PDB file of N, CA and C in Angstrom:
ATOM      1  N   MET A   1       0.455 -25.873   1.707  1.00  0.00           N
ATOM      2  CA  MET A   1       0.338 -27.259   1.309  1.00  0.00           C
ATOM      3  C   MET A   1       1.581 -27.987   1.789  1.00  0.00           C
ATOM      4  N   LYS A   2       1.384 -29.184   2.378  1.00  0.00           N
ATOM      5  CA  LYS A   2       2.516 -29.991   2.838  1.00  0.00           C
ATOM      6  C   LYS A   2       2.673 -31.210   1.958  1.00  0.00           C
ATOM      7  N   VAL A   3       3.891 -31.502   1.570  1.00  0.00           N
ATOM      8  CA  VAL A   3       4.229 -32.694   0.810  1.00  0.00           C
ATOM      9  C   VAL A   3       5.468 -33.283   1.463  1.00  0.00           C
ATOM     10  N   ALA A   4       5.354 -34.514   1.962  1.00  0.00           N
ATOM     11  CA  ALA A   4       6.497 -35.221   2.563  1.00  0.00           C
ATOM     12  C   ALA A   4       7.285 -34.344   3.535  1.00  0.00           C
ATOM     13  N   ASN A   5       6.582 -33.758   4.511  1.00  0.00           N
ATOM     14  CA  ASN A   5       7.193 -32.930   5.549  1.00  0.00           C
ATOM     15  C   ASN A   5       7.868 -31.663   5.025  1.00  0.00           C
ATOM     16  N   VAL A   6       7.489 -31.232   3.832  1.00  0.00           N
ATOM     17  CA  VAL A   6       8.006 -29.985   3.273  1.00  0.00           C
ATOM     18  C   VAL A   6       6.810 -29.080   3.005  1.00  0.00           C
ATOM     19  N   THR A   7       6.861 -27.865   3.502  1.00  0.00           N
ATOM     20  CA  THR A   7       5.790 -26.917   3.249  1.00  0.00           C
ATOM     21  C   THR A   7       6.050 -26.236   1.918  1.00  0.00           C
ATOM     22  N   LEU A   8       5.080 -26.339   1.020  1.00  0.00           N
ATOM     23  CA  LEU A   8       5.193 -25.681  -0.278  1.00  0.00           C
ATOM     24  C   LEU A   8       4.521 -24.326  -0.201  1.00  0.00           C
ATOM     25  N   GLY A   9       5.070 -23.369  -0.889  1.00  0.00           N
ATOM     26  CA  GLY A   9       4.482 -22.042  -0.917  1.00  0.00           C
ATOM     27  C   GLY A   9       5.429 -21.018  -0.321  1.00  0.00           C
ATOM     28  N   ALA A  10       4.901 -19.836  -0.119  1.00  0.00           N
ATOM     29  CA  ALA A  10       5.693 -18.738   0.420  1.00  0.00           C
ATOM     30  C   ALA A  10       5.751 -18.834   1.940  1.00  0.00           C
ATOM     31  N   ARG A  11       6.872 -18.454   2.497  1.00  0.00           N
ATOM     32  CA  ARG A  11       7.040 -18.386   3.952  1.00  0.00           C
ATOM     33  C   ARG A  11       7.421 -16.951   4.289  1.00  0.00           C
ATOM     34  N   LEU A  12       6.740 -16.397   5.257  1.00  0.00           N
ATOM     35  CA  LEU A  12       6.932 -14.996   5.608  1.00  0.00           C
ATOM     36  C   LEU A  12       7.832 -14.857   6.824  1.00  0.00           C
ATOM     37  N   ARG A  13       8.847 -14.033   6.692  1.00  0.00           N
ATOM     38  CA  ARG A  13       9.735 -13.691   7.809  1.00  0.00           C
ATOM     39  C   ARG A  13       9.745 -12.176   7.897  1.00  0.00           C
ATOM     40  N   ILE A  14       9.301 -11.671   9.027  1.00  0.00           N
ATOM     41  CA  ILE A  14       9.228 -10.231   9.242  1.00  0.00           C
ATOM     42  C   ILE A  14      10.460  -9.795  10.029  1.00  0.00           C
ATOM     43  N   VAL A  15      11.258  -8.907   9.451  1.00  0.00           N
ATOM     44  CA  VAL A  15      12.426  -8.366  10.128  1.00  0.00           C
ATOM     45  C   VAL A  15      12.010  -7.038  10.729  1.00  0.00           C
ATOM     46  N   LEU A  16      12.022  -6.978  12.053  1.00  0.00           N
ATOM     47  CA  LEU A  16      11.516  -5.813  12.783  1.00  0.00           C
ATOM     48  C   LEU A  16      12.607  -4.813  13.122  1.00  0.00           C
ATOM     49  N   ALA A  17      13.816  -5.277  13.216  1.00  0.00           N
ATOM     50  CA  ALA A  17      14.989  -4.454  13.527  1.00  0.00           C
ATOM     51  C   ALA A  17      16.198  -5.318  13.201  1.00  0.00           C
ATOM     52  N   PRO A  18      17.392  -4.745  13.177  1.00  0.00           N
ATOM     53  CA  PRO A  18      18.565  -5.598  12.947  1.00  0.00           C
ATOM     54  C   PRO A  18      18.588  -6.754  13.958  1.00  0.00           C
ATOM     55  N   LYS A  19      18.694  -7.967  13.456  1.00  0.00           N
ATOM     56  CA  LYS A  19      18.753  -9.192  14.261  1.00  0.00           C
ATOM     57  C   LYS A  19      17.478  -9.466  15.060  1.00  0.00           C
ATOM     58  N   VAL A  20      16.361  -8.854  14.674  1.00  0.00           N
ATOM     59  CA  VAL A  20      15.075  -9.094  15.340  1.00  0.00           C
ATOM     60  C   VAL A  20      14.059  -9.472  14.266  1.00  0.00           C
ATOM     61  N   ALA A  21      13.587 -10.727  14.320  1.00  0.00           N
ATOM     62  CA  ALA A  21      12.666 -11.205  13.290  1.00  0.00           C
ATOM     63  C   ALA A  21      11.602 -12.104  13.904  1.00  0.00           C
ATOM     64  N   LEU A  22      10.486 -12.173  13.216  1.00  0.00           N
ATOM     65  CA  LEU A  22       9.411 -13.095  13.565  1.00  0.00           C
ATOM     66  C   LEU A  22       9.053 -13.833  12.285  1.00  0.00           C
ATOM     67  N   GLY A  23       9.155 -15.147  12.355  1.00  0.00           N
ATOM     68  CA  GLY A  23       8.882 -15.970  11.184  1.00  0.00           C
ATOM     69  C   GLY A  23       8.024 -17.155  11.546  1.00  0.00           C
ATOM     70  N   PRO A  24       7.870 -18.084  10.612  1.00  0.00           N
ATOM     71  CA  PRO A  24       6.960 -19.213  10.831  1.00  0.00           C
ATOM     72  C   PRO A  24       7.353 -20.106  12.003  1.00  0.00           C
ATOM     73  N   GLY A  25       8.627 -20.330  12.213  1.00  0.00           N
ATOM     74  CA  GLY A  25       9.050 -21.187  13.321  1.00  0.00           C
ATOM     75  C   GLY A  25       8.727 -20.589  14.675  1.00  0.00           C
ATOM     76  N   ARG A  26       9.030 -19.331  14.847  1.00  0.00           N
ATOM     77  CA  ARG A  26       8.742 -18.670  16.122  1.00  0.00           C
ATOM     78  C   ARG A  26       7.236 -18.549  16.337  1.00  0.00           C
ATOM     79  N   ALA A  27       6.508 -18.271  15.261  1.00  0.00           N
ATOM     80  CA  ALA A  27       5.046 -18.196  15.385  1.00  0.00           C
ATOM     81  C   ALA A  27       4.475 -19.565  15.758  1.00  0.00           C
ATOM     82  N   ASP A  28       4.979 -20.622  15.145  1.00  0.00           N
ATOM     83  CA  ASP A  28       4.519 -21.971  15.491  1.00  0.00           C
ATOM     84  C   ASP A  28       4.841 -22.302  16.948  1.00  0.00           C
ATOM     85  N   LEU A  29       6.001 -21.876  17.417  1.00  0.00           N
ATOM     86  CA  LEU A  29       6.369 -22.104  18.814  1.00  0.00           C
ATOM     87  C   LEU A  29       5.397 -21.369  19.739  1.00  0.00           C
ATOM     88  N   LEU A  30       5.080 -20.111  19.424  1.00  0.00           N
ATOM     89  CA  LEU A  30       4.116 -19.367  20.239  1.00  0.00           C
ATOM     90  C   LEU A  30       2.757 -20.061  20.245  1.00  0.00           C
ATOM     91  N   GLU A  31       2.321 -20.533  19.097  1.00  0.00           N
ATOM     92  CA  GLU A  31       1.045 -21.250  19.040  1.00  0.00           C
ATOM     93  C   GLU A  31       1.085 -22.526  19.865  1.00  0.00           C
ATOM     94  N   GLY A  32       2.207 -23.225  19.806  1.00  0.00           N
ATOM     95  CA  GLY A  32       2.354 -24.443  20.591  1.00  0.00           C
ATOM     96  C   GLY A  32       2.319 -24.173  22.084  1.00  0.00           C
ATOM     97  N   ILE A  33       2.943 -23.090  22.501  1.00  0.00           N
ATOM     98  CA  ILE A  33       2.917 -22.700  23.918  1.00  0.00           C
ATOM     99  C   ILE A  33       1.492 -22.367  24.327  1.00  0.00           C
ATOM    100  N   ARG A  34       0.796 -21.634  23.486  1.00  0.00           N
ATOM    101  CA  ARG A  34      -0.598 -21.297  23.780  1.00  0.00           C
ATOM    102  C   ARG A  34      -1.444 -22.560  23.923  1.00  0.00           C
ATOM    103  N   ALA A  35      -1.237 -23.511  23.032  1.00  0.00           N
ATOM    104  CA  ALA A  35      -2.049 -24.731  23.019  1.00  0.00           C
ATOM    105  C   ALA A  35      -1.728 -25.679  24.170  1.00  0.00           C
ATOM    106  N   THR A  36      -0.456 -25.757  24.554  1.00  0.00           N
ATOM    107  CA  THR A  36      -0.048 -26.760  25.538  1.00  0.00           C
ATOM    108  C   THR A  36       0.199 -26.201  26.932  1.00  0.00           C
ATOM    109  N   GLY A  37       0.447 -24.897  27.029  1.00  0.00           N
ATOM    110  CA  GLY A  37       0.800 -24.321  28.321  1.00  0.00           C
ATOM    111  C   GLY A  37       2.199 -24.687  28.771  1.00  0.00           C
ATOM    112  N   SER A  38       3.042 -25.111  27.812  1.00  0.00           N
ATOM    113  CA  SER A  38       4.374 -25.584  28.160  1.00  0.00           C
ATOM    114  C   SER A  38       5.343 -25.337  27.006  1.00  0.00           C
ATOM    115  N   ILE A  39       6.497 -24.775  27.336  1.00  0.00           N
ATOM    116  CA  ILE A  39       7.530 -24.591  26.318  1.00  0.00           C
ATOM    117  C   ILE A  39       8.073 -25.949  25.887  1.00  0.00           C
ATOM    118  N   ALA A  40       8.279 -26.845  26.843  1.00  0.00           N
ATOM    119  CA  ALA A  40       8.811 -28.169  26.523  1.00  0.00           C
ATOM    120  C   ALA A  40       7.846 -28.948  25.629  1.00  0.00           C
ATOM    121  N   ALA A  41       6.555 -28.906  25.941  1.00  0.00           N
ATOM    122  CA  ALA A  41       5.571 -29.628  25.125  1.00  0.00           C
ATOM    123  C   ALA A  41       5.475 -29.017  23.732  1.00  0.00           C
ATOM    124  N   ALA A  42       5.524 -27.701  23.646  1.00  0.00           N
ATOM    125  CA  ALA A  42       5.491 -27.043  22.337  1.00  0.00           C
ATOM    126  C   ALA A  42       6.713 -27.445  21.519  1.00  0.00           C
ATOM    127  N   ALA A  43       7.869 -27.510  22.173  1.00  0.00           N
ATOM    128  CA  ALA A  43       9.096 -27.920  21.483  1.00  0.00           C
ATOM    129  C   ALA A  43       8.969 -29.354  20.974  1.00  0.00           C
ATOM    130  N   ARG A  44       8.461 -30.253  21.815  1.00  0.00           N
ATOM    131  CA  ARG A  44       8.295 -31.650  21.396  1.00  0.00           C
ATOM    132  C   ARG A  44       7.385 -31.747  20.180  1.00  0.00           C
ATOM    133  N   ARG A  45       6.289 -30.990  20.175  1.00  0.00           N
ATOM    134  CA  ARG A  45       5.366 -31.015  19.041  1.00  0.00           C
ATOM    135  C   ARG A  45       6.050 -30.605  17.752  1.00  0.00           C
ATOM    136  N   MET A  46       7.056 -29.749  17.865  1.00  0.00           N
ATOM    137  CA  MET A  46       7.759 -29.249  16.682  1.00  0.00           C
ATOM    138  C   MET A  46       9.006 -30.065  16.355  1.00  0.00           C
ATOM    139  N   GLY A  47       9.352 -31.028  17.202  1.00  0.00           N
ATOM    140  CA  GLY A  47      10.588 -31.775  16.990  1.00  0.00           C
ATOM    141  C   GLY A  47      11.817 -30.943  17.297  1.00  0.00           C
ATOM    142  N   MET A  48      11.680 -30.027  18.240  1.00  0.00           N
ATOM    143  CA  MET A  48      12.740 -29.093  18.597  1.00  0.00           C
ATOM    144  C   MET A  48      13.224 -29.429  20.004  1.00  0.00           C
ATOM    145  N   SER A  49      14.467 -29.178  20.282  1.00  0.00           N
ATOM    146  CA  SER A  49      14.970 -29.417  21.635  1.00  0.00           C
ATOM    147  C   SER A  49      14.396 -28.378  22.587  1.00  0.00           C
ATOM    148  N   TRP A  50      14.278 -28.790  23.839  1.00  0.00           N
ATOM    149  CA  TRP A  50      13.781 -27.899  24.886  1.00  0.00           C
ATOM    150  C   TRP A  50      14.686 -26.680  25.009  1.00  0.00           C
ATOM    151  N   THR A  51      16.000 -26.887  24.937  1.00  0.00           N
ATOM    152  CA  THR A  51      16.924 -25.762  25.093  1.00  0.00           C
ATOM    153  C   THR A  51      16.803 -24.778  23.929  1.00  0.00           C
ATOM    154  N   ARG A  52      16.583 -25.281  22.724  1.00  0.00           N
ATOM    155  CA  ARG A  52      16.398 -24.382  21.567  1.00  0.00           C
ATOM    156  C   ARG A  52      15.120 -23.567  21.739  1.00  0.00           C
ATOM    157  N   ALA A  53      14.058 -24.212  22.189  1.00  0.00           N
ATOM    158  CA  ALA A  53      12.788 -23.501  22.404  1.00  0.00           C
ATOM    159  C   ALA A  53      12.956 -22.418  23.470  1.00  0.00           C
ATOM    160  N   TRP A  54      13.608 -22.750  24.583  1.00  0.00           N
ATOM    161  CA  TRP A  54      13.836 -21.751  25.635  1.00  0.00           C
ATOM    162  C   TRP A  54      14.674 -20.598  25.100  1.00  0.00           C
ATOM    163  N   SER A  55      15.660 -20.906  24.274  1.00  0.00           N
ATOM    164  CA  SER A  55      16.499 -19.864  23.685  1.00  0.00           C
ATOM    165  C   SER A  55      15.671 -18.928  22.799  1.00  0.00           C
ATOM    166  N   LEU A  56      14.782 -19.508  21.988  1.00  0.00           N
ATOM    167  CA  LEU A  56      13.930 -18.686  21.122  1.00  0.00           C
ATOM    168  C   LEU A  56      12.966 -17.830  21.937  1.00  0.00           C
ATOM    169  N   VAL A  57      12.384 -18.412  22.979  1.00  0.00           N
ATOM    170  CA  VAL A  57      11.481 -17.647  23.841  1.00  0.00           C
ATOM    171  C   VAL A  57      12.237 -16.503  24.509  1.00  0.00           C
ATOM    172  N   GLY A  58      13.433 -16.786  25.000  1.00  0.00           N
ATOM    173  CA  GLY A  58      14.241 -15.730  25.612  1.00  0.00           C
ATOM    174  C   GLY A  58      14.555 -14.614  24.631  1.00  0.00           C
ATOM    175  N   ALA A  59      14.889 -14.989  23.396  1.00  0.00           N
ATOM    176  CA  ALA A  59      15.191 -13.988  22.365  1.00  0.00           C
ATOM    177  C   ALA A  59      13.948 -13.149  22.052  1.00  0.00           C
ATOM    178  N   LEU A  60      12.797 -13.808  21.909  1.00  0.00           N
ATOM    179  CA  LEU A  60      11.562 -13.066  21.638  1.00  0.00           C
ATOM    180  C   LEU A  60      11.262 -12.089  22.767  1.00  0.00           C
ATOM    181  N   ASN A  61      11.380 -12.545  23.999  1.00  0.00           N
ATOM    182  CA  ASN A  61      11.098 -11.674  25.145  1.00  0.00           C
ATOM    183  C   ASN A  61      12.054 -10.485  25.184  1.00  0.00           C
ATOM    184  N   ARG A  62      13.327 -10.720  24.897  1.00  0.00           N
ATOM    185  CA  ARG A  62      14.303  -9.622  24.869  1.00  0.00           C
ATOM    186  C   ARG A  62      14.048  -8.679  23.690  1.00  0.00           C
ATOM    187  N   ASP A  63      13.813  -9.276  22.512  1.00  0.00           N
ATOM    188  CA  ASP A  63      13.666  -8.476  21.300  1.00  0.00           C
ATOM    189  C   ASP A  63      12.488  -7.513  21.368  1.00  0.00           C
ATOM    190  N   PHE A  64      11.408  -7.941  21.969  1.00  0.00           N
ATOM    191  CA  PHE A  64      10.216  -7.098  22.034  1.00  0.00           C
ATOM    192  C   PHE A  64      10.237  -6.130  23.205  1.00  0.00           C
ATOM    193  N   GLY A  65      11.190  -6.270  24.097  1.00  0.00           N
ATOM    194  CA  GLY A  65      11.300  -5.334  25.204  1.00  0.00           C
ATOM    195  C   GLY A  65      10.347  -5.627  26.350  1.00  0.00           C
ATOM    196  N   SER A  66       9.318  -6.373  26.086  1.00  0.00           N
ATOM    197  CA  SER A  66       8.376  -6.862  27.090  1.00  0.00           C
ATOM    198  C   SER A  66       8.124  -8.321  26.758  1.00  0.00           C
ATOM    199  N   PRO A  67       7.873  -9.134  27.760  1.00  0.00           N
ATOM    200  CA  PRO A  67       7.710 -10.564  27.480  1.00  0.00           C
ATOM    201  C   PRO A  67       6.529 -10.880  26.566  1.00  0.00           C
ATOM    202  N   LEU A  68       6.747 -11.825  25.665  1.00  0.00           N
ATOM    203  CA  LEU A  68       5.667 -12.408  24.872  1.00  0.00           C
ATOM    204  C   LEU A  68       5.165 -13.667  25.557  1.00  0.00           C
ATOM    205  N   VAL A  69       6.037 -14.257  26.368  1.00  0.00           N
ATOM    206  CA  VAL A  69       5.747 -15.517  27.049  1.00  0.00           C
ATOM    207  C   VAL A  69       6.135 -15.368  28.516  1.00  0.00           C
ATOM    208  N   THR A  70       5.267 -15.853  29.395  1.00  0.00           N
ATOM    209  CA  THR A  70       5.605 -15.897  30.814  1.00  0.00           C
ATOM    210  C   THR A  70       5.461 -17.318  31.314  1.00  0.00           C
ATOM    211  N   ALA A  71       6.356 -17.698  32.197  1.00  0.00           N
ATOM    212  CA  ALA A  71       6.330 -19.032  32.788  1.00  0.00           C
ATOM    213  C   ALA A  71       6.149 -18.880  34.290  1.00  0.00           C
ATOM    214  N   ALA A  72       5.185 -19.608  34.828  1.00  0.00           N
ATOM    215  CA  ALA A  72       4.940 -19.583  36.266  1.00  0.00           C
ATOM    216  C   ALA A  72       5.269 -20.949  36.838  1.00  0.00           C
ATOM    217  N   LYS A  73       6.071 -20.954  37.886  1.00  0.00           N
ATOM    218  CA  LYS A  73       6.393 -22.214  38.551  1.00  0.00           C
ATOM    219  C   LYS A  73       5.158 -22.660  39.318  1.00  0.00           C
ATOM    220  N   GLY A  74       4.936 -23.955  39.310  1.00  0.00           N
ATOM    221  CA  GLY A  74       3.747 -24.478  39.969  1.00  0.00           C
ATOM    222  C   GLY A  74       4.078 -25.390  41.117  1.00  0.00           C
ATOM    223  N   GLY A  75       3.044 -25.845  41.752  1.00  0.00           N
ATOM    224  CA  GLY A  75       3.192 -26.757  42.882  1.00  0.00           C
ATOM    225  C   GLY A  75       3.193 -28.188  42.400  1.00  0.00           C
ATOM    226  N   THR A  76       2.299 -28.981  42.940  1.00  0.00           N
ATOM    227  CA  THR A  76       2.284 -30.411  42.653  1.00  0.00           C
ATOM    228  C   THR A  76       1.959 -30.712  41.199  1.00  0.00           C
ATOM    229  N   ARG A  77       1.236 -29.840  40.532  1.00  0.00           N
ATOM    230  CA  ARG A  77       0.851 -30.100  39.136  1.00  0.00           C
ATOM    231  C   ARG A  77       1.769 -29.408  38.143  1.00  0.00           C
ATOM    232  N   GLY A  78       2.793 -28.771  38.614  1.00  0.00           N
ATOM    233  CA  GLY A  78       3.732 -28.122  37.709  1.00  0.00           C
ATOM    234  C   GLY A  78       3.303 -26.711  37.358  1.00  0.00           C
ATOM    235  N   GLY A  79       4.143 -26.042  36.602  1.00  0.00           N
ATOM    236  CA  GLY A  79       3.871 -24.659  36.238  1.00  0.00           C
ATOM    237  C   GLY A  79       3.037 -24.560  34.978  1.00  0.00           C
ATOM    238  N   ARG A  80       2.842 -23.349  34.575  1.00  0.00           N
ATOM    239  CA  ARG A  80       2.064 -23.068  33.375  1.00  0.00           C
ATOM    240  C   ARG A  80       2.761 -21.945  32.630  1.00  0.00           C
ATOM    241  N   THR A  81       2.877 -22.109  31.332  1.00  0.00           N
ATOM    242  CA  THR A  81       3.471 -21.087  30.482  1.00  0.00           C
ATOM    243  C   THR A  81       2.372 -20.518  29.602  1.00  0.00           C
ATOM    244  N   THR A  82       2.320 -19.206  29.512  1.00  0.00           N
ATOM    245  CA  THR A  82       1.258 -18.555  28.733  1.00  0.00           C
ATOM    246  C   THR A  82       1.829 -17.433  27.886  1.00  0.00           C
ATOM    247  N   LEU A  83       1.072 -17.083  26.870  1.00  0.00           N
ATOM    248  CA  LEU A  83       1.403 -15.893  26.092  1.00  0.00           C
ATOM    249  C   LEU A  83       0.846 -14.687  26.839  1.00  0.00           C
ATOM    250  N   THR A  84       1.618 -13.630  26.862  1.00  0.00           N
ATOM    251  CA  THR A  84       1.147 -12.373  27.425  1.00  0.00           C
ATOM    252  C   THR A  84       0.221 -11.710  26.406  1.00  0.00           C
ATOM    253  N   PRO A  85      -0.475 -10.655  26.784  1.00  0.00           N
ATOM    254  CA  PRO A  85      -1.259  -9.923  25.785  1.00  0.00           C
ATOM    255  C   PRO A  85      -0.408  -9.481  24.589  1.00  0.00           C
ATOM    256  N   LEU A  86       0.839  -9.070  24.848  1.00  0.00           N
ATOM    257  CA  LEU A  86       1.722  -8.700  23.734  1.00  0.00           C
ATOM    258  C   LEU A  86       2.059  -9.917  22.888  1.00  0.00           C
ATOM    259  N   GLY A  87       2.246 -11.068  23.502  1.00  0.00           N
ATOM    260  CA  GLY A  87       2.505 -12.296  22.766  1.00  0.00           C
ATOM    261  C   GLY A  87       1.326 -12.668  21.883  1.00  0.00           C
ATOM    262  N   GLU A  88       0.120 -12.555  22.427  1.00  0.00           N
ATOM    263  CA  GLU A  88      -1.091 -12.824  21.636  1.00  0.00           C
ATOM    264  C   GLU A  88      -1.192 -11.851  20.463  1.00  0.00           C
ATOM    265  N   GLU A  89      -0.905 -10.574  20.737  1.00  0.00           N
ATOM    266  CA  GLU A  89      -0.968  -9.564  19.675  1.00  0.00           C
ATOM    267  C   GLU A  89       0.069  -9.829  18.590  1.00  0.00           C
ATOM    268  N   ALA A  90       1.301 -10.145  18.982  1.00  0.00           N
ATOM    269  CA  ALA A  90       2.356 -10.408  17.997  1.00  0.00           C
ATOM    270  C   ALA A  90       1.989 -11.604  17.128  1.00  0.00           C
ATOM    271  N   LEU A  91       1.474 -12.660  17.756  1.00  0.00           N
ATOM    272  CA  LEU A  91       1.092 -13.855  17.005  1.00  0.00           C
ATOM    273  C   LEU A  91      -0.076 -13.555  16.066  1.00  0.00           C
ATOM    274  N   THR A  92      -1.071 -12.866  16.552  1.00  0.00           N
ATOM    275  CA  THR A  92      -2.232 -12.522  15.726  1.00  0.00           C
ATOM    276  C   THR A  92      -1.823 -11.664  14.533  1.00  0.00           C
ATOM    277  N   ARG A  93      -1.009 -10.652  14.792  1.00  0.00           N
ATOM    278  CA  ARG A  93      -0.577  -9.769  13.697  1.00  0.00           C
ATOM    279  C   ARG A  93       0.286 -10.522  12.686  1.00  0.00           C
ATOM    280  N   TYR A  94       1.176 -11.391  13.173  1.00  0.00           N
ATOM    281  CA  TYR A  94       2.012 -12.165  12.256  1.00  0.00           C
ATOM    282  C   TYR A  94       1.142 -13.062  11.380  1.00  0.00           C
ATOM    283  N   ARG A  95       0.210 -13.792  11.973  1.00  0.00           N
ATOM    284  CA  ARG A  95      -0.653 -14.688  11.189  1.00  0.00           C
ATOM    285  C   ARG A  95      -1.500 -13.893  10.194  1.00  0.00           C
ATOM    286  N   ARG A  96      -1.941 -12.712  10.563  1.00  0.00           N
ATOM    287  CA  ARG A  96      -2.695 -11.858   9.636  1.00  0.00           C
ATOM    288  C   ARG A  96      -1.815 -11.442   8.452  1.00  0.00           C
ATOM    289  N   MET A  97      -0.576 -11.052   8.733  1.00  0.00           N
ATOM    290  CA  MET A  97       0.357 -10.691   7.654  1.00  0.00           C
ATOM    291  C   MET A  97       0.666 -11.895   6.778  1.00  0.00           C
ATOM    292  N   GLU A  98       0.788 -13.051   7.397  1.00  0.00           N
ATOM    293  CA  GLU A  98       1.071 -14.276   6.656  1.00  0.00           C
ATOM    294  C   GLU A  98      -0.059 -14.579   5.666  1.00  0.00           C
ATOM    295  N   ARG A  99      -1.313 -14.470   6.129  1.00  0.00           N
ATOM    296  CA  ARG A  99      -2.452 -14.713   5.226  1.00  0.00           C
ATOM    297  C   ARG A  99      -2.493 -13.680   4.104  1.00  0.00           C
ATOM    298  N   ALA A 100      -2.213 -12.425   4.422  1.00  0.00           N
ATOM    299  CA  ALA A 100      -2.205 -11.377   3.399  1.00  0.00           C
ATOM    300  C   ALA A 100      -1.104 -11.640   2.368  1.00  0.00           C
ATOM    301  N   ALA A 101       0.048 -12.074   2.824  1.00  0.00           N
ATOM    302  CA  ALA A 101       1.151 -12.366   1.901  1.00  0.00           C
ATOM    303  C   ALA A 101       0.789 -13.549   1.004  1.00  0.00           C
ATOM    304  N   GLN A 102       0.159 -14.573   1.569  1.00  0.00           N
ATOM    305  CA  GLN A 102      -0.253 -15.729   0.759  1.00  0.00           C
ATOM    306  C   GLN A 102      -1.212 -15.290  -0.352  1.00  0.00           C
ATOM    307  N   ARG A 103      -2.161 -14.441  -0.002  1.00  0.00           N
ATOM    308  CA  ARG A 103      -3.102 -13.946  -1.021  1.00  0.00           C
ATOM    309  C   ARG A 103      -2.368 -13.121  -2.078  1.00  0.00           C
ATOM    310  N   ALA A 104      -1.412 -12.312  -1.648  1.00  0.00           N
ATOM    311  CA  ALA A 104      -0.707 -11.427  -2.569  1.00  0.00           C
ATOM    312  C   ALA A 104       0.139 -12.186  -3.586  1.00  0.00           C
ATOM    313  N   VAL A 105       0.691 -13.323  -3.191  1.00  0.00           N
ATOM    314  CA  VAL A 105       1.585 -14.052  -4.095  1.00  0.00           C
ATOM    315  C   VAL A 105       0.911 -15.241  -4.767  1.00  0.00           C
ATOM    316  N   ALA A 106      -0.347 -15.483  -4.497  1.00  0.00           N
ATOM    317  CA  ALA A 106      -1.025 -16.691  -4.991  1.00  0.00           C
ATOM    318  C   ALA A 106      -0.935 -16.852  -6.508  1.00  0.00           C
ATOM    319  N   GLY A 107      -1.198 -15.810  -7.266  1.00  0.00           N
ATOM    320  CA  GLY A 107      -1.163 -15.903  -8.723  1.00  0.00           C
ATOM    321  C   GLY A 107       0.223 -16.202  -9.259  1.00  0.00           C
ATOM    322  N   GLU A 108       1.215 -15.503  -8.748  1.00  0.00           N
ATOM    323  CA  GLU A 108       2.594 -15.716  -9.194  1.00  0.00           C
ATOM    324  C   GLU A 108       3.087 -17.095  -8.773  1.00  0.00           C
ATOM    325  N   LEU A 109       2.721 -17.522  -7.592  1.00  0.00           N
ATOM    326  CA  LEU A 109       3.112 -18.844  -7.109  1.00  0.00           C
ATOM    327  C   LEU A 109       2.490 -19.942  -7.971  1.00  0.00           C
ATOM    328  N   ALA A 110       1.227 -19.777  -8.339  1.00  0.00           N
ATOM    329  CA  ALA A 110       0.556 -20.762  -9.201  1.00  0.00           C
ATOM    330  C   ALA A 110       1.258 -20.858 -10.555  1.00  0.00           C
ATOM    331  N   ALA A 111       1.674 -19.719 -11.089  1.00  0.00           N
ATOM    332  CA  ALA A 111       2.371 -19.725 -12.380  1.00  0.00           C
ATOM    333  C   ALA A 111       3.701 -20.466 -12.284  1.00  0.00           C
ATOM    334  N   LEU A 112       4.427 -20.243 -11.211  1.00  0.00           N
ATOM    335  CA  LEU A 112       5.702 -20.944 -11.031  1.00  0.00           C
ATOM    336  C   LEU A 112       5.488 -22.443 -10.828  1.00  0.00           C
ATOM    337  N   ARG A 113       4.443 -22.805 -10.094  1.00  0.00           N
ATOM    338  CA  ARG A 113       4.147 -24.233  -9.912  1.00  0.00           C
ATOM    339  C   ARG A 113       3.806 -24.899 -11.241  1.00  0.00           C
ATOM    340  N   ARG A 114       3.058 -24.200 -12.094  1.00  0.00           N
ATOM    341  CA  ARG A 114       2.736 -24.752 -13.419  1.00  0.00           C
ATOM    342  C   ARG A 114       4.006 -24.972 -14.226  1.00  0.00           C
ATOM    343  N   ALA A 115       4.942 -24.023 -14.144  1.00  0.00           N
ATOM    344  CA  ALA A 115       6.208 -24.154 -14.879  1.00  0.00           C
ATOM    345  C   ALA A 115       6.992 -25.367 -14.378  1.00  0.00           C
ATOM    346  N   VAL A 116       7.006 -25.573 -13.085  1.00  0.00           N
ATOM    347  CA  VAL A 116       7.718 -26.723 -12.517  1.00  0.00           C
ATOM    348  C   VAL A 116       7.022 -28.018 -12.935  1.00  0.00           C
ATOM    349  N   ALA A 117       5.696 -28.047 -12.862  1.00  0.00           N
ATOM    350  CA  ALA A 117       4.941 -29.243 -13.255  1.00  0.00           C
ATOM    351  C   ALA A 117       5.149 -29.549 -14.729  1.00  0.00           C
ATOM    352  N   LYS A 118       5.181 -28.532 -15.569  1.00  0.00           N
ATOM    353  CA  LYS A 118       5.388 -28.716 -17.013  1.00  0.00           C
ATOM    354  C   LYS A 118       6.760 -29.333 -17.270  1.00  0.00           C
ATOM    355  N   ARG A 119       7.762 -28.852 -16.566  1.00  0.00           N
ATOM    356  CA  ARG A 119       9.118 -29.391 -16.719  1.00  0.00           C
ATOM    357  C   ARG A 119       9.161 -30.839 -16.266  1.00  0.00           C
ATOM    358  N   ALA A 120       8.470 -31.167 -15.168  1.00  0.00           N
ATOM    359  CA  ALA A 120       8.468 -32.538 -14.649  1.00  0.00           C
ATOM    360  C   ALA A 120       7.811 -33.491 -15.637  1.00  0.00           C
ATOM    361  N   ARG A 121       6.781 -33.031 -16.338  1.00  0.00           N
ATOM    362  CA  ARG A 121       6.090 -33.895 -17.329  1.00  0.00           C
ATOM    363  C   ARG A 121       6.984 -34.209 -18.513  1.00  0.00           C
ATOM    364  N   ARG A 122       7.924 -33.300 -18.829  1.00  0.00           N
ATOM    365  CA  ARG A 122       8.827 -33.510 -19.979  1.00  0.00           C
ATOM    366  C   ARG A 122       9.923 -34.504 -19.675  1.00  0.00           C
ATOM    367  N   ARG A 123      10.158 -34.810 -18.434  1.00  0.00           N
ATOM    368  CA  ARG A 123      11.258 -35.722 -18.071  1.00  0.00           C
ATOM    369  C   ARG A 123      10.960 -37.129 -18.431  1.00  0.00           C
TER     370      ARG A 123
END
């Protein structure tokens, strides 16, 4: 649920190794690349700088040992950036884990939201 540009609820960050993680921001960047065919366009959609997006893509490609994203230089129409099969798999698995985590915490999250709402009504 989004309220005033803030996502409410649980956010999943998977730590795969020391200093190697996949979380909502990186997953959103991968989805943006898939949708637009461009790292720069995906970054713009997220309100992120092009250099930050390239840095994250470089880190993901290094961290996984094989590229998740490939960029091909193009001719008159420009290049195209795509997710590799490993990139598609990483994104799919992350989103699956994210949905499972949301289901797992739904009851506890609802209870905490009720407590916050109850406190707000007393003010």
